[in-house]
Amino acid sequence: MVMRSIGLVLQSYLVLASAMYFDLGEQEEKCIIEEIPEDMLVTGYFLLEPWNLKVSNSPHFGLTVSVKDPSYETLLSKRYGKHGKFTFTSHASGQHFLCFQTNSTRFSVFASEKMKLHLDVQMGEHPVDHTAIKAKDHLQTMEYSTRRLIDQIQYIVRQQDYQREKEEMFRQISEDTNGNVLWWAVVQTCILLSVGIWQMKRLKDFLIAKKLV
């Protein structure tokens, strides 16, 4: 059991070796924004550790992960230990909010320790899933490679569809803005013509009243 825990920690270190990390205060919450296409499997690997390992005095802490979609509906809200992974599937394209909060066992008055959160967020199917399938069904090497290739193609297609949706949305916004600018120019022209005609009429009435014409 101990060897399995050590192996899981080492695996987390290897996965997060090239990932990002940021500081996180004890019982503090921070969020990141990810652009995620619709119907996309998202897997996140994390490792939470004290910023200063030498002076750390809080051995009991974990991480609460919450995910919200573009409509601010909660897709995931779960408490984890110091390391592990979380998964969810997006139901709509757009910005998803991934929030992380430490869940220390100490009172908030004494919760002042600074943490370091290593995080790696991956999208689409991953080789880990295929390894499990391969060990179970004894797939041939060619079939295994084909499945990985198909999943990668599907991921690329979803990304392209999502970019196409964003392009259409931006094009619509641009067209609406151009239309509004055009109408505003027409309104300004009408106002200027009306003011000019009114001024000419007032000037004519003034000259007639003074019997200058």
N, C-alpha and C. Protein backbone atom coordinates (compact mmCIF):
# COMPACT_ATOMS: atom_id res chain seq x y z
N MET A 1 0.83 -1.21 0.00
CA MET A 1 0.00 0.00 0.00
C MET A 1 0.87 1.26 0.00
N VAL A 2 1.96 1.21 0.81
CA VAL A 2 2.86 2.35 0.87
C VAL A 2 3.56 2.55 -0.47
N MET A 3 3.99 1.43 -1.08
CA MET A 3 4.65 1.53 -2.38
C MET A 3 3.72 2.08 -3.44
N ARG A 4 2.43 1.72 -3.35
CA ARG A 4 1.46 2.24 -4.32
C ARG A 4 1.29 3.74 -4.16
N SER A 5 1.26 4.22 -2.91
CA SER A 5 1.14 5.66 -2.67
C SER A 5 2.36 6.40 -3.18
N ILE A 6 3.55 5.81 -2.92
CA ILE A 6 4.77 6.44 -3.41
C ILE A 6 4.78 6.49 -4.94
N GLY A 7 4.33 5.41 -5.55
CA GLY A 7 4.27 5.37 -7.01
C GLY A 7 3.32 6.41 -7.57
N LEU A 8 2.18 6.63 -6.89
CA LEU A 8 1.23 7.63 -7.35
C LEU A 8 1.82 9.03 -7.25
N VAL A 9 2.54 9.29 -6.17
CA VAL A 9 3.17 10.59 -6.01
C VAL A 9 4.22 10.82 -7.09
N LEU A 10 5.04 9.79 -7.35
CA LEU A 10 6.05 9.91 -8.40
C LEU A 10 5.42 10.13 -9.77
N GLN A 11 4.31 9.43 -10.01
CA GLN A 11 3.60 9.61 -11.28
C GLN A 11 3.09 11.04 -11.40
N SER A 12 2.59 11.59 -10.30
CA SER A 12 2.11 12.98 -10.32
C SER A 12 3.24 13.94 -10.62
N TYR A 13 4.41 13.69 -10.02
CA TYR A 13 5.56 14.55 -10.29
C TYR A 13 5.95 14.49 -11.76
N LEU A 14 5.95 13.29 -12.34
CA LEU A 14 6.34 13.14 -13.74
C LEU A 14 5.35 13.83 -14.66
N VAL A 15 4.05 13.69 -14.38
CA VAL A 15 3.03 14.31 -15.22
C VAL A 15 3.11 15.82 -15.14
N LEU A 16 3.39 16.34 -13.93
CA LEU A 16 3.37 17.78 -13.71
C LEU A 16 4.73 18.43 -13.90
N ALA A 17 5.69 17.67 -14.40
CA ALA A 17 7.04 18.22 -14.53
C ALA A 17 7.07 19.41 -15.47
N SER A 18 6.31 19.37 -16.56
CA SER A 18 6.31 20.46 -17.53
C SER A 18 5.04 21.30 -17.45
N ALA A 19 4.25 21.14 -16.38
CA ALA A 19 3.00 21.89 -16.24
C ALA A 19 3.26 23.19 -15.51
N MET A 20 2.19 23.98 -15.34
CA MET A 20 2.32 25.25 -14.65
C MET A 20 2.14 25.05 -13.16
N TYR A 21 2.54 26.06 -12.41
CA TYR A 21 2.27 26.06 -10.98
C TYR A 21 2.07 27.50 -10.53
N PHE A 22 1.35 27.68 -9.43
CA PHE A 22 1.13 29.01 -8.88
C PHE A 22 0.94 28.89 -7.38
N ASP A 23 1.11 29.99 -6.70
CA ASP A 23 0.99 29.99 -5.24
C ASP A 23 -0.48 30.06 -4.85
N LEU A 24 -0.78 29.48 -3.72
CA LEU A 24 -2.15 29.40 -3.23
C LEU A 24 -2.10 29.44 -1.72
N GLY A 25 -2.67 30.50 -1.16
CA GLY A 25 -2.69 30.62 0.29
C GLY A 25 -3.57 29.58 0.93
N GLU A 26 -3.27 29.28 2.17
CA GLU A 26 -4.05 28.28 2.89
C GLU A 26 -5.50 28.76 3.02
N GLN A 27 -6.44 27.93 2.59
CA GLN A 27 -7.87 28.22 2.54
C GLN A 27 -8.20 29.37 1.57
N GLU A 28 -7.30 29.64 0.64
CA GLU A 28 -7.54 30.64 -0.40
C GLU A 28 -8.03 29.96 -1.67
N GLU A 29 -8.86 30.66 -2.45
CA GLU A 29 -9.39 30.12 -3.71
C GLU A 29 -8.88 30.96 -4.87
N LYS A 30 -8.41 30.27 -5.92
CA LYS A 30 -8.00 30.92 -7.14
C LYS A 30 -8.61 30.18 -8.32
N CYS A 31 -8.89 30.92 -9.40
CA CYS A 31 -9.54 30.33 -10.57
C CYS A 31 -8.71 30.63 -11.82
N ILE A 32 -8.78 29.71 -12.76
CA ILE A 32 -8.21 29.92 -14.09
C ILE A 32 -9.31 29.73 -15.11
N ILE A 33 -9.10 30.28 -16.30
CA ILE A 33 -10.11 30.20 -17.37
C ILE A 33 -9.53 29.39 -18.52
N GLU A 34 -10.29 28.42 -18.97
CA GLU A 34 -9.88 27.57 -20.09
C GLU A 34 -10.93 27.64 -21.19
N GLU A 35 -10.48 27.85 -22.42
CA GLU A 35 -11.37 27.79 -23.58
C GLU A 35 -11.53 26.31 -23.97
N ILE A 36 -12.73 25.78 -23.82
CA ILE A 36 -12.96 24.36 -24.03
C ILE A 36 -14.09 24.17 -25.04
N PRO A 37 -13.89 23.34 -26.06
CA PRO A 37 -14.97 23.06 -27.01
C PRO A 37 -16.08 22.22 -26.36
N GLU A 38 -17.18 22.10 -27.07
CA GLU A 38 -18.31 21.32 -26.58
C GLU A 38 -17.99 19.82 -26.62
N ASP A 39 -18.53 19.11 -25.63
CA ASP A 39 -18.41 17.65 -25.56
C ASP A 39 -16.94 17.21 -25.56
N MET A 40 -16.15 17.85 -24.74
CA MET A 40 -14.72 17.57 -24.65
C MET A 40 -14.38 17.01 -23.27
N LEU A 41 -13.67 15.90 -23.27
CA LEU A 41 -13.19 15.32 -22.02
C LEU A 41 -11.96 16.09 -21.55
N VAL A 42 -12.00 16.56 -20.31
CA VAL A 42 -10.91 17.34 -19.73
C VAL A 42 -10.40 16.59 -18.50
N THR A 43 -9.09 16.42 -18.44
CA THR A 43 -8.44 15.75 -17.32
C THR A 43 -7.41 16.68 -16.73
N GLY A 44 -7.44 16.84 -15.42
CA GLY A 44 -6.49 17.70 -14.73
C GLY A 44 -5.71 16.91 -13.69
N TYR A 45 -4.40 17.07 -13.71
CA TYR A 45 -3.52 16.46 -12.72
C TYR A 45 -2.98 17.56 -11.82
N PHE A 46 -2.96 17.34 -10.53
CA PHE A 46 -2.50 18.37 -9.61
C PHE A 46 -1.67 17.77 -8.49
N LEU A 47 -0.85 18.63 -7.92
CA LEU A 47 -0.03 18.27 -6.78
C LEU A 47 0.09 19.50 -5.90
N LEU A 48 -0.36 19.39 -4.65
CA LEU A 48 -0.35 20.50 -3.71
C LEU A 48 0.71 20.24 -2.65
N GLU A 49 1.57 21.23 -2.46
CA GLU A 49 2.64 21.08 -1.48
C GLU A 49 2.95 22.43 -0.87
N PRO A 50 3.52 22.45 0.33
CA PRO A 50 3.90 23.73 0.95
C PRO A 50 4.95 24.44 0.11
N TRP A 51 4.89 25.76 0.09
CA TRP A 51 5.88 26.53 -0.67
C TRP A 51 7.28 26.35 -0.09
N ASN A 52 7.35 26.30 1.21
CA ASN A 52 8.62 26.08 1.90
C ASN A 52 8.52 24.76 2.66
N LEU A 53 9.11 23.71 2.12
CA LEU A 53 8.99 22.40 2.72
C LEU A 53 9.70 22.31 4.07
N LYS A 54 10.68 23.16 4.32
CA LYS A 54 11.47 23.05 5.54
C LYS A 54 10.71 23.56 6.76
N VAL A 55 9.86 24.58 6.55
CA VAL A 55 9.17 25.18 7.70
C VAL A 55 7.69 24.81 7.71
N SER A 56 7.28 23.88 6.89
CA SER A 56 5.86 23.52 6.83
C SER A 56 5.43 22.85 8.12
N ASN A 57 4.30 23.30 8.66
CA ASN A 57 3.76 22.71 9.88
C ASN A 57 2.29 22.34 9.73
N SER A 58 1.86 22.11 8.49
CA SER A 58 0.47 21.74 8.23
C SER A 58 0.43 20.47 7.39
N PRO A 59 0.52 19.31 8.03
CA PRO A 59 0.56 18.07 7.27
C PRO A 59 -0.79 17.64 6.73
N HIS A 60 -1.87 18.22 7.27
CA HIS A 60 -3.21 17.79 6.88
C HIS A 60 -3.86 18.87 6.02
N PHE A 61 -3.72 18.76 4.75
CA PHE A 61 -4.38 19.70 3.85
C PHE A 61 -4.67 18.98 2.54
N GLY A 62 -5.65 19.52 1.82
CA GLY A 62 -6.05 18.94 0.54
C GLY A 62 -6.52 20.06 -0.38
N LEU A 63 -7.25 19.66 -1.42
CA LEU A 63 -7.66 20.63 -2.43
C LEU A 63 -9.11 20.39 -2.81
N THR A 64 -9.87 21.47 -2.89
CA THR A 64 -11.24 21.43 -3.39
C THR A 64 -11.26 21.98 -4.80
N VAL A 65 -11.75 21.19 -5.75
CA VAL A 65 -11.79 21.57 -7.15
C VAL A 65 -13.25 21.80 -7.55
N SER A 66 -13.51 22.93 -8.16
CA SER A 66 -14.85 23.22 -8.68
C SER A 66 -14.72 23.76 -10.10
N VAL A 67 -15.61 23.31 -10.96
CA VAL A 67 -15.59 23.70 -12.37
C VAL A 67 -16.97 24.23 -12.75
N LYS A 68 -16.98 25.38 -13.43
CA LYS A 68 -18.23 25.98 -13.91
C LYS A 68 -18.14 26.23 -15.40
N ASP A 69 -19.25 26.02 -16.08
CA ASP A 69 -19.30 26.20 -17.53
C ASP A 69 -19.57 27.67 -17.87
N PRO A 70 -19.65 28.02 -19.17
CA PRO A 70 -19.90 29.43 -19.54
C PRO A 70 -21.19 30.00 -18.96
N SER A 71 -22.15 29.14 -18.62
CA SER A 71 -23.41 29.61 -18.01
C SER A 71 -23.33 29.63 -16.49
N TYR A 72 -22.13 29.41 -15.95
CA TYR A 72 -21.87 29.40 -14.51
C TYR A 72 -22.60 28.26 -13.79
N GLU A 73 -22.90 27.21 -14.52
CA GLU A 73 -23.44 26.02 -13.89
C GLU A 73 -22.29 25.11 -13.46
N THR A 74 -22.43 24.52 -12.29
CA THR A 74 -21.36 23.71 -11.72
C THR A 74 -21.31 22.35 -12.40
N LEU A 75 -20.14 22.04 -12.98
CA LEU A 75 -19.93 20.73 -13.60
C LEU A 75 -19.23 19.77 -12.65
N LEU A 76 -18.44 20.33 -11.74
CA LEU A 76 -17.68 19.50 -10.81
C LEU A 76 -17.41 20.29 -9.54
N SER A 77 -17.57 19.62 -8.42
CA SER A 77 -17.22 20.21 -7.12
C SER A 77 -16.89 19.05 -6.18
N LYS A 78 -15.61 18.90 -5.90
CA LYS A 78 -15.18 17.72 -5.14
C LYS A 78 -13.92 18.04 -4.36
N ARG A 79 -13.79 17.37 -3.22
CA ARG A 79 -12.60 17.54 -2.37
C ARG A 79 -11.64 16.37 -2.64
N TYR A 80 -10.36 16.72 -2.72
CA TYR A 80 -9.32 15.74 -2.99
C TYR A 80 -8.25 15.85 -1.92
N GLY A 81 -7.29 14.96 -2.02
CA GLY A 81 -6.13 15.02 -1.16
C GLY A 81 -5.08 15.97 -1.70
N LYS A 82 -3.82 15.71 -1.35
CA LYS A 82 -2.74 16.59 -1.78
C LYS A 82 -2.36 16.39 -3.24
N HIS A 83 -2.70 15.26 -3.82
CA HIS A 83 -2.37 15.00 -5.22
C HIS A 83 -3.43 14.08 -5.81
N GLY A 84 -3.56 14.12 -7.10
CA GLY A 84 -4.54 13.28 -7.77
C GLY A 84 -4.93 13.87 -9.12
N LYS A 85 -6.10 13.49 -9.60
CA LYS A 85 -6.58 14.00 -10.87
C LYS A 85 -8.09 14.15 -10.82
N PHE A 86 -8.61 15.03 -11.68
CA PHE A 86 -10.05 15.24 -11.79
C PHE A 86 -10.41 15.24 -13.27
N THR A 87 -11.61 14.82 -13.56
CA THR A 87 -12.08 14.76 -14.95
C THR A 87 -13.51 15.31 -15.03
N PHE A 88 -13.82 15.90 -16.16
CA PHE A 88 -15.19 16.33 -16.44
C PHE A 88 -15.34 16.47 -17.94
N THR A 89 -16.57 16.51 -18.40
CA THR A 89 -16.89 16.65 -19.82
C THR A 89 -17.68 17.94 -20.02
N SER A 90 -17.21 18.77 -20.93
CA SER A 90 -17.89 20.04 -21.20
C SER A 90 -19.18 19.79 -21.97
N HIS A 91 -20.20 20.58 -21.66
CA HIS A 91 -21.50 20.47 -22.34
C HIS A 91 -21.77 21.64 -23.27
N ALA A 92 -20.90 22.65 -23.23
CA ALA A 92 -21.06 23.82 -24.10
C ALA A 92 -19.69 24.40 -24.39
N SER A 93 -19.55 25.01 -25.54
CA SER A 93 -18.30 25.64 -25.92
C SER A 93 -18.16 26.99 -25.23
N GLY A 94 -16.93 27.34 -24.91
CA GLY A 94 -16.70 28.65 -24.31
C GLY A 94 -15.74 28.59 -23.14
N GLN A 95 -15.74 29.66 -22.37
CA GLN A 95 -14.83 29.78 -21.24
C GLN A 95 -15.36 28.99 -20.04
N HIS A 96 -14.52 28.11 -19.54
CA HIS A 96 -14.84 27.34 -18.35
C HIS A 96 -13.95 27.82 -17.20
N PHE A 97 -14.51 27.88 -16.01
CA PHE A 97 -13.81 28.41 -14.86
C PHE A 97 -13.41 27.25 -13.94
N LEU A 98 -12.11 27.07 -13.78
CA LEU A 98 -11.57 26.02 -12.93
C LEU A 98 -11.04 26.68 -11.66
N CYS A 99 -11.67 26.38 -10.53
CA CYS A 99 -11.32 27.03 -9.27
C CYS A 99 -10.74 26.00 -8.30
N PHE A 100 -9.74 26.46 -7.55
CA PHE A 100 -9.03 25.58 -6.62
C PHE A 100 -8.93 26.28 -5.27
N GLN A 101 -9.23 25.53 -4.22
CA GLN A 101 -9.17 26.07 -2.87
C GLN A 101 -8.61 25.02 -1.92
N THR A 102 -7.64 25.43 -1.12
CA THR A 102 -7.08 24.49 -0.14
C THR A 102 -8.09 24.29 0.98
N ASN A 103 -8.12 23.09 1.52
CA ASN A 103 -9.05 22.77 2.61
C ASN A 103 -8.26 22.27 3.82
N SER A 104 -7.54 23.19 4.42
CA SER A 104 -6.76 22.88 5.61
C SER A 104 -7.68 22.57 6.78
N THR A 105 -7.18 21.79 7.73
CA THR A 105 -7.97 21.42 8.91
C THR A 105 -7.84 22.46 10.01
N ARG A 106 -7.01 23.48 9.81
CA ARG A 106 -6.83 24.48 10.85
C ARG A 106 -7.87 25.59 10.73
N PHE A 107 -8.08 26.33 11.84
CA PHE A 107 -8.99 27.46 11.82
C PHE A 107 -8.44 28.55 10.90
N SER A 108 -9.36 29.33 10.34
CA SER A 108 -8.95 30.36 9.39
C SER A 108 -8.03 31.39 10.01
N VAL A 109 -8.14 31.59 11.34
CA VAL A 109 -7.29 32.57 12.01
C VAL A 109 -5.82 32.16 11.94
N PHE A 110 -5.58 30.83 12.01
CA PHE A 110 -4.21 30.33 12.01
C PHE A 110 -3.78 29.82 10.63
N ALA A 111 -4.66 29.91 9.65
CA ALA A 111 -4.35 29.40 8.31
C ALA A 111 -3.62 30.47 7.51
N SER A 112 -2.33 30.50 7.63
CA SER A 112 -1.53 31.52 6.95
C SER A 112 -0.41 30.93 6.11
N GLU A 113 -0.38 29.61 5.97
CA GLU A 113 0.70 28.99 5.24
C GLU A 113 0.51 29.16 3.74
N LYS A 114 1.61 29.28 3.01
CA LYS A 114 1.57 29.46 1.57
C LYS A 114 1.83 28.13 0.88
N MET A 115 0.98 27.79 -0.09
CA MET A 115 1.08 26.53 -0.81
C MET A 115 1.52 26.76 -2.25
N LYS A 116 1.99 25.69 -2.86
CA LYS A 116 2.34 25.69 -4.28
C LYS A 116 1.50 24.62 -4.97
N LEU A 117 0.72 25.03 -5.96
CA LEU A 117 -0.15 24.10 -6.67
C LEU A 117 0.42 23.85 -8.07
N HIS A 118 0.84 22.62 -8.32
CA HIS A 118 1.25 22.20 -9.66
C HIS A 118 0.02 21.70 -10.40
N LEU A 119 -0.17 22.14 -11.62
CA LEU A 119 -1.39 21.82 -12.35
C LEU A 119 -1.08 21.56 -13.81
N ASP A 120 -1.70 20.51 -14.33
CA ASP A 120 -1.60 20.19 -15.76
C ASP A 120 -2.99 19.81 -16.24
N VAL A 121 -3.54 20.61 -17.17
CA VAL A 121 -4.89 20.38 -17.71
C VAL A 121 -4.75 19.89 -19.14
N GLN A 122 -5.31 18.72 -19.42
CA GLN A 122 -5.24 18.12 -20.75
C GLN A 122 -6.64 17.90 -21.28
N MET A 123 -6.79 18.01 -22.59
CA MET A 123 -8.09 17.86 -23.24
C MET A 123 -8.06 16.67 -24.19
N GLY A 124 -9.19 15.99 -24.29
CA GLY A 124 -9.30 14.85 -25.18
C GLY A 124 -8.92 13.55 -24.50
N GLU A 125 -9.03 12.47 -25.26
CA GLU A 125 -8.63 11.16 -24.76
C GLU A 125 -7.12 11.10 -24.63
N HIS A 126 -6.64 10.37 -23.64
CA HIS A 126 -5.22 10.31 -23.35
C HIS A 126 -4.74 8.87 -23.42
N PRO A 127 -3.45 8.69 -23.62
CA PRO A 127 -2.89 7.34 -23.71
C PRO A 127 -3.14 6.48 -22.48
N VAL A 128 -3.37 7.11 -21.33
CA VAL A 128 -3.59 6.33 -20.11
C VAL A 128 -4.82 5.45 -20.25
N ASP A 129 -5.87 6.02 -20.85
CA ASP A 129 -7.09 5.25 -21.02
C ASP A 129 -6.86 4.09 -21.99
N HIS A 130 -6.12 4.34 -23.05
CA HIS A 130 -5.87 3.29 -24.03
C HIS A 130 -4.97 2.20 -23.47
N THR A 131 -4.10 2.56 -22.56
CA THR A 131 -3.25 1.53 -21.95
C THR A 131 -4.09 0.55 -21.16
N ALA A 132 -5.09 1.07 -20.46
CA ALA A 132 -5.97 0.18 -19.71
C ALA A 132 -6.76 -0.72 -20.66
N ILE A 133 -7.23 -0.15 -21.76
CA ILE A 133 -7.97 -0.96 -22.73
C ILE A 133 -7.07 -2.01 -23.36
N LYS A 134 -5.86 -1.61 -23.64
CA LYS A 134 -4.93 -2.55 -24.27
C LYS A 134 -4.61 -3.71 -23.34
N ALA A 135 -4.40 -3.44 -22.06
CA ALA A 135 -4.11 -4.51 -21.11
C ALA A 135 -5.31 -5.43 -20.93
N LYS A 136 -6.49 -4.90 -21.08
CA LYS A 136 -7.70 -5.71 -20.85
C LYS A 136 -8.04 -6.56 -22.06
N ASP A 137 -8.01 -6.00 -23.22
CA ASP A 137 -8.48 -6.69 -24.42
C ASP A 137 -7.35 -7.25 -25.29
N HIS A 138 -6.13 -7.05 -24.91
CA HIS A 138 -4.98 -7.55 -25.66
C HIS A 138 -5.04 -7.11 -27.13
N LEU A 139 -5.16 -5.80 -27.31
CA LEU A 139 -5.26 -5.27 -28.67
C LEU A 139 -3.92 -5.39 -29.37
N GLN A 140 -3.98 -5.55 -30.65
CA GLN A 140 -2.78 -5.58 -31.45
C GLN A 140 -2.19 -4.16 -31.54
N THR A 141 -0.90 -4.10 -31.84
CA THR A 141 -0.21 -2.81 -31.87
C THR A 141 -0.83 -1.88 -32.92
N MET A 142 -1.19 -2.41 -34.07
CA MET A 142 -1.76 -1.58 -35.11
C MET A 142 -3.12 -1.03 -34.70
N GLU A 143 -3.93 -1.86 -34.09
CA GLU A 143 -5.26 -1.41 -33.66
C GLU A 143 -5.13 -0.37 -32.55
N TYR A 144 -4.18 -0.58 -31.66
CA TYR A 144 -3.95 0.36 -30.58
C TYR A 144 -3.53 1.73 -31.14
N SER A 145 -2.63 1.72 -32.10
CA SER A 145 -2.17 2.97 -32.72
C SER A 145 -3.29 3.65 -33.48
N THR A 146 -4.14 2.83 -34.13
CA THR A 146 -5.26 3.39 -34.88
C THR A 146 -6.24 4.10 -33.96
N ARG A 147 -6.51 3.49 -32.82
CA ARG A 147 -7.44 4.12 -31.87
C ARG A 147 -6.90 5.44 -31.36
N ARG A 148 -5.61 5.45 -31.07
CA ARG A 148 -5.01 6.70 -30.61
C ARG A 148 -5.09 7.77 -31.70
N LEU A 149 -4.86 7.37 -32.95
CA LEU A 149 -4.92 8.32 -34.06
C LEU A 149 -6.34 8.84 -34.25
N ILE A 150 -7.33 7.96 -34.12
CA ILE A 150 -8.73 8.38 -34.27
C ILE A 150 -9.10 9.39 -33.18
N ASP A 151 -8.67 9.13 -31.96
CA ASP A 151 -8.97 10.06 -30.87
C ASP A 151 -8.31 11.42 -31.10
N GLN A 152 -7.09 11.40 -31.60
CA GLN A 152 -6.42 12.66 -31.88
C GLN A 152 -7.11 13.43 -33.00
N ILE A 153 -7.58 12.71 -34.01
CA ILE A 153 -8.32 13.36 -35.10
C ILE A 153 -9.61 13.97 -34.58
N GLN A 154 -10.33 13.24 -33.73
CA GLN A 154 -11.57 13.76 -33.16
C GLN A 154 -11.31 15.01 -32.34
N TYR A 155 -10.20 14.99 -31.61
CA TYR A 155 -9.86 16.17 -30.81
C TYR A 155 -9.58 17.37 -31.71
N ILE A 156 -8.85 17.16 -32.80
CA ILE A 156 -8.56 18.25 -33.73
C ILE A 156 -9.82 18.77 -34.39
N VAL A 157 -10.73 17.86 -34.76
CA VAL A 157 -11.99 18.27 -35.39
C VAL A 157 -12.82 19.12 -34.43
N ARG A 158 -12.87 18.71 -33.16
CA ARG A 158 -13.62 19.50 -32.18
C ARG A 158 -13.01 20.87 -31.98
N GLN A 159 -11.69 20.94 -31.96
CA GLN A 159 -11.03 22.23 -31.84
C GLN A 159 -11.34 23.11 -33.03
N GLN A 160 -11.34 22.53 -34.24
CA GLN A 160 -11.65 23.30 -35.43
C GLN A 160 -13.09 23.79 -35.41
N ASP A 161 -14.01 22.93 -34.99
CA ASP A 161 -15.41 23.34 -34.89
C ASP A 161 -15.58 24.49 -33.90
N TYR A 162 -14.86 24.38 -32.79
CA TYR A 162 -14.95 25.44 -31.78
C TYR A 162 -14.39 26.76 -32.31
N GLN A 163 -13.25 26.70 -33.01
CA GLN A 163 -12.68 27.91 -33.59
C GLN A 163 -13.60 28.49 -34.67
N ARG A 164 -14.28 27.60 -35.41
CA ARG A 164 -15.22 28.07 -36.42
C ARG A 164 -16.41 28.79 -35.76
N GLU A 165 -16.88 28.26 -34.64
CA GLU A 165 -17.97 28.91 -33.92
C GLU A 165 -17.55 30.29 -33.42
N LYS A 166 -16.33 30.38 -32.88
CA LYS A 166 -15.84 31.68 -32.41
C LYS A 166 -15.69 32.65 -33.56
N GLU A 167 -15.22 32.15 -34.73
CA GLU A 167 -15.06 33.03 -35.89
C GLU A 167 -16.41 33.56 -36.35
N GLU A 168 -17.43 32.69 -36.38
CA GLU A 168 -18.76 33.14 -36.78
C GLU A 168 -19.31 34.16 -35.79
N MET A 169 -19.05 33.94 -34.50
CA MET A 169 -19.54 34.87 -33.49
C MET A 169 -18.87 36.24 -33.65
N PHE A 170 -17.54 36.24 -33.85
CA PHE A 170 -16.84 37.50 -34.02
C PHE A 170 -17.26 38.20 -35.31
N ARG A 171 -17.53 37.42 -36.38
CA ARG A 171 -17.97 38.02 -37.63
C ARG A 171 -19.33 38.69 -37.44
N GLN A 172 -20.22 38.02 -36.70
CA GLN A 172 -21.54 38.60 -36.45
C GLN A 172 -21.42 39.89 -35.64
N ILE A 173 -20.53 39.87 -34.64
CA ILE A 173 -20.32 41.08 -33.84
C ILE A 173 -19.78 42.21 -34.71
N SER A 174 -18.84 41.88 -35.59
CA SER A 174 -18.26 42.90 -36.48
C SER A 174 -19.31 43.46 -37.42
N GLU A 175 -20.15 42.58 -37.98
CA GLU A 175 -21.19 43.06 -38.88
C GLU A 175 -22.20 43.94 -38.15
N ASP A 176 -22.57 43.55 -36.94
CA ASP A 176 -23.50 44.38 -36.16
C ASP A 176 -22.88 45.73 -35.83
N THR A 177 -21.59 45.72 -35.48
CA THR A 177 -20.91 46.99 -35.17
C THR A 177 -20.84 47.88 -36.40
N ASN A 178 -20.50 47.30 -37.55
CA ASN A 178 -20.45 48.09 -38.79
C ASN A 178 -21.82 48.66 -39.13
N GLY A 179 -22.85 47.85 -38.93
CA GLY A 179 -24.21 48.34 -39.20
C GLY A 179 -24.59 49.49 -38.28
N ASN A 180 -24.23 49.36 -36.98
CA ASN A 180 -24.53 50.44 -36.04
C ASN A 180 -23.78 51.71 -36.39
N VAL A 181 -22.50 51.56 -36.80
CA VAL A 181 -21.71 52.73 -37.21
C VAL A 181 -22.32 53.41 -38.43
N LEU A 182 -22.78 52.59 -39.39
CA LEU A 182 -23.39 53.16 -40.59
C LEU A 182 -24.65 53.94 -40.25
N TRP A 183 -25.52 53.34 -39.42
CA TRP A 183 -26.75 54.03 -39.04
C TRP A 183 -26.46 55.30 -38.25
N TRP A 184 -25.43 55.25 -37.40
CA TRP A 184 -25.07 56.45 -36.64
C TRP A 184 -24.59 57.55 -37.58
N ALA A 185 -23.85 57.18 -38.62
CA ALA A 185 -23.42 58.18 -39.60
C ALA A 185 -24.62 58.78 -40.33
N VAL A 186 -25.60 57.94 -40.67
CA VAL A 186 -26.81 58.44 -41.34
C VAL A 186 -27.57 59.38 -40.43
N VAL A 187 -27.68 59.01 -39.15
CA VAL A 187 -28.39 59.87 -38.19
C VAL A 187 -27.67 61.20 -38.03
N GLN A 188 -26.33 61.17 -37.93
CA GLN A 188 -25.57 62.41 -37.81
C GLN A 188 -25.77 63.30 -39.03
N THR A 189 -25.76 62.70 -40.23
CA THR A 189 -25.96 63.47 -41.45
C THR A 189 -27.33 64.13 -41.47
N CYS A 190 -28.36 63.36 -41.06
CA CYS A 190 -29.72 63.92 -41.01
C CYS A 190 -29.80 65.07 -40.01
N ILE A 191 -29.14 64.92 -38.86
CA ILE A 191 -29.16 65.98 -37.86
C ILE A 191 -28.48 67.24 -38.39
N LEU A 192 -27.31 67.06 -39.04
CA LEU A 192 -26.60 68.21 -39.59
C LEU A 192 -27.43 68.90 -40.67
N LEU A 193 -28.07 68.15 -41.55
CA LEU A 193 -28.91 68.76 -42.59
C LEU A 193 -30.08 69.49 -41.98
N SER A 194 -30.69 68.89 -40.96
CA SER A 194 -31.84 69.54 -40.32
C SER A 194 -31.43 70.83 -39.64
N VAL A 195 -30.29 70.80 -38.93
CA VAL A 195 -29.81 72.02 -38.27
C VAL A 195 -29.46 73.08 -39.31
N GLY A 196 -28.83 72.68 -40.44
CA GLY A 196 -28.49 73.64 -41.49
C GLY A 196 -29.72 74.29 -42.09
N ILE A 197 -30.75 73.45 -42.39
CA ILE A 197 -31.99 74.00 -42.96
C ILE A 197 -32.67 74.93 -41.97
N TRP A 198 -32.68 74.53 -40.68
CA TRP A 198 -33.32 75.39 -39.66
C TRP A 198 -32.58 76.72 -39.53
N GLN A 199 -31.24 76.70 -39.55
CA GLN A 199 -30.48 77.94 -39.45
C GLN A 199 -30.73 78.84 -40.66
N MET A 200 -30.80 78.23 -41.86
CA MET A 200 -31.07 79.04 -43.06
C MET A 200 -32.46 79.66 -42.97
N LYS A 201 -33.42 78.91 -42.48
CA LYS A 201 -34.78 79.45 -42.37
C LYS A 201 -34.83 80.59 -41.35
N ARG A 202 -34.13 80.39 -40.19
CA ARG A 202 -34.12 81.44 -39.18
C ARG A 202 -33.44 82.70 -39.71
N LEU A 203 -32.34 82.49 -40.47
CA LEU A 203 -31.65 83.65 -41.04
C LEU A 203 -32.54 84.38 -42.05
N LYS A 204 -33.26 83.61 -42.87
CA LYS A 204 -34.16 84.24 -43.85
C LYS A 204 -35.26 85.02 -43.15
N ASP A 205 -35.86 84.42 -42.10
CA ASP A 205 -36.92 85.13 -41.36
C ASP A 205 -36.38 86.40 -40.71
N PHE A 206 -35.12 86.33 -40.21
CA PHE A 206 -34.52 87.51 -39.58
C PHE A 206 -34.33 88.63 -40.60
N LEU A 207 -33.83 88.27 -41.79
CA LEU A 207 -33.62 89.30 -42.82
C LEU A 207 -34.92 89.91 -43.29
N ILE A 208 -35.96 89.04 -43.40
CA ILE A 208 -37.27 89.56 -43.80
C ILE A 208 -37.83 90.48 -42.75
N ALA A 209 -37.65 90.08 -41.47
CA ALA A 209 -38.17 90.92 -40.37
C ALA A 209 -37.46 92.27 -40.33
N LYS A 210 -36.19 92.29 -40.65
CA LYS A 210 -35.44 93.56 -40.66
C LYS A 210 -35.56 94.30 -41.99
N LYS A 211 -36.36 93.73 -42.91
CA LYS A 211 -36.60 94.32 -44.22
C LYS A 211 -35.29 94.56 -44.99
N LEU A 212 -34.40 93.58 -44.84
CA LEU A 212 -33.12 93.66 -45.55
C LEU A 212 -33.17 92.93 -46.89
N VAL A 213 -34.22 92.18 -47.12
CA VAL A 213 -34.39 91.51 -48.40
C VAL A 213 -35.79 91.74 -48.91
